[in-house]
Amino acid sequence: MKNRHQQASELFSLLSHEPRLRILDELRRGEACVCHLQAVLGRPQAYVSQQLAVLRDAGVVMDRREGLFVFYRLADEQVEHVLEQTLGPAGQPEVVAGCPCPHCESSSCESS
């Protein structure tokens, strides 16, 4: 059984990686698919999926499949609290031009 210092150290290690921190920041705004996170980070799908696997294995995020899309969301309220304290309020999910995810496509349709 891990003590609280070990747990905190592991959490801070996860959060000290900027791309993972950006992923978590986007996920605290709401559920997002891999292609959306790829567009937000400007990184290849394989890289984003690798970072999501690290976060999933740590129990920080959860996923669900809907058709061709895999959606991720925060699974740890402690992480959400730490992000709120360090980054401030979450705000709205980012809409990325050209992103094929359901969130960005529906938002671009609404603004047309």
Protein backbone atom coordinates (compact mmCIF):
# COMPACT_ATOMS: atom_id res chain seq x y z
CA MET A 1 0.00 0.00 0.00
CA LYS A 2 1.33 3.40 -1.00
CA ASN A 3 1.55 6.14 1.58
CA ARG A 4 0.27 9.61 0.82
CA HIS A 5 3.76 10.96 0.06
CA GLN A 6 4.30 8.29 -2.58
CA GLN A 7 0.88 9.02 -4.08
CA ALA A 8 1.58 12.76 -4.12
CA SER A 9 5.01 12.22 -5.68
CA GLU A 10 3.49 10.11 -8.47
CA LEU A 11 0.79 12.71 -9.11
CA PHE A 12 3.33 15.55 -9.26
CA SER A 13 5.46 13.48 -11.63
CA LEU A 14 2.46 13.08 -13.96
CA LEU A 15 1.68 16.79 -13.75
CA SER A 16 5.28 17.89 -14.33
CA HIS A 17 5.11 16.72 -17.96
CA GLU A 18 3.76 19.68 -19.97
CA PRO A 19 1.85 17.75 -22.69
CA ARG A 20 0.13 15.57 -20.06
CA LEU A 21 -0.71 18.72 -18.08
CA ARG A 22 -2.24 20.27 -21.22
CA ILE A 23 -4.26 17.09 -21.81
CA LEU A 24 -5.56 17.14 -18.25
CA ASP A 25 -6.33 20.85 -18.50
CA GLU A 26 -8.45 20.21 -21.60
CA LEU A 27 -10.18 17.21 -20.00
CA ARG A 28 -11.22 19.21 -16.96
CA ARG A 29 -13.26 21.31 -19.39
CA GLY A 30 -15.12 18.20 -20.48
CA GLU A 31 -14.81 14.89 -22.22
CA ALA A 32 -12.60 14.90 -25.34
CA CYS A 33 -11.64 12.43 -28.05
CA VAL A 34 -8.11 11.58 -29.10
CA CYS A 35 -8.35 13.55 -32.36
CA HIS A 36 -9.42 16.66 -30.43
CA LEU A 37 -6.51 16.33 -28.00
CA GLN A 38 -4.21 15.78 -30.96
CA ALA A 39 -5.44 19.04 -32.52
CA VAL A 40 -5.12 20.96 -29.23
CA LEU A 41 -1.56 19.74 -28.63
CA GLY A 42 -0.45 19.81 -32.25
CA ARG A 43 1.16 16.40 -31.76
CA PRO A 44 0.82 13.10 -33.68
CA GLN A 45 -1.92 10.67 -32.69
CA ALA A 46 0.60 8.06 -31.49
CA TYR A 47 2.20 10.55 -29.09
CA VAL A 48 -1.14 11.70 -27.67
CA SER A 49 -2.30 8.09 -27.27
CA GLN A 50 0.93 7.23 -25.46
CA GLN A 51 0.41 10.09 -22.98
CA LEU A 52 -3.23 9.10 -22.49
CA ALA A 53 -2.12 5.52 -21.74
CA VAL A 54 0.22 6.83 -19.03
CA LEU A 55 -2.63 8.86 -17.52
CA ARG A 56 -5.07 5.95 -17.79
CA ASP A 57 -2.62 3.51 -16.18
CA ALA A 58 -2.19 5.98 -13.32
CA GLY A 59 -5.98 6.05 -12.83
CA VAL A 60 -6.19 9.75 -13.62
CA VAL A 61 -8.35 9.44 -16.74
CA MET A 62 -11.01 7.02 -18.00
CA ASP A 63 -12.05 6.27 -21.55
CA ARG A 64 -15.12 5.15 -23.45
CA ARG A 65 -15.62 4.21 -27.08
CA GLU A 66 -18.39 5.65 -29.25
CA GLY A 67 -18.18 4.40 -32.81
CA LEU A 68 -14.79 5.37 -34.21
CA PHE A 69 -14.07 7.84 -31.41
CA VAL A 70 -12.45 7.12 -28.04
CA PHE A 71 -13.42 9.75 -25.48
CA TYR A 72 -11.43 10.53 -22.33
CA ARG A 73 -12.46 12.26 -19.14
CA LEU A 74 -10.92 12.95 -15.75
CA ALA A 75 -11.35 10.11 -13.28
CA ASP A 76 -9.70 11.68 -10.24
CA GLU A 77 -11.28 14.59 -8.37
CA GLN A 78 -7.97 15.30 -6.65
CA VAL A 79 -6.37 16.05 -10.03
CA GLU A 80 -9.23 18.36 -10.93
CA HIS A 81 -8.77 20.20 -7.61
CA VAL A 82 -4.99 20.55 -8.11
CA LEU A 83 -5.54 21.89 -11.64
CA GLU A 84 -8.13 24.37 -10.39
CA GLN A 85 -5.72 25.61 -7.71
CA THR A 86 -2.74 25.93 -10.05
CA LEU A 87 -4.31 26.94 -13.38
CA GLY A 88 -7.48 28.71 -12.26
CA PRO A 89 -11.00 28.13 -13.57
CA ALA A 90 -11.38 25.67 -16.44
CA GLY A 91 -13.43 27.71 -18.86
CA GLN A 92 -14.92 26.28 -22.05
CA PRO A 93 -13.44 23.45 -24.14
CA GLU A 94 -11.20 24.66 -26.94
CA VAL A 95 -12.70 24.56 -30.43
CA VAL A 96 -10.02 23.76 -33.01
CA ALA A 97 -10.59 24.64 -36.66
CA GLY A 98 -10.32 21.55 -38.85
CA CYS A 99 -10.68 19.13 -35.94
CA PRO A 100 -13.10 16.35 -37.01
CA CYS A 101 -14.32 15.55 -33.49
CA PRO A 102 -18.02 15.86 -32.69
CA HIS A 103 -17.42 18.80 -30.32
CA CYS A 104 -15.51 20.95 -32.81
CA GLU A 105 -17.71 20.06 -35.78
CA SER A 106 -20.92 20.91 -33.92
CA SER A 107 -19.41 24.17 -32.64
CA SER A 108 -18.25 25.22 -36.12
CA CYS A 109 -21.73 24.44 -37.49
CA GLU A 110 -23.31 26.65 -34.81
CA SER A 111 -21.03 29.59 -35.62
CA SER A 112 -21.69 29.40 -39.40
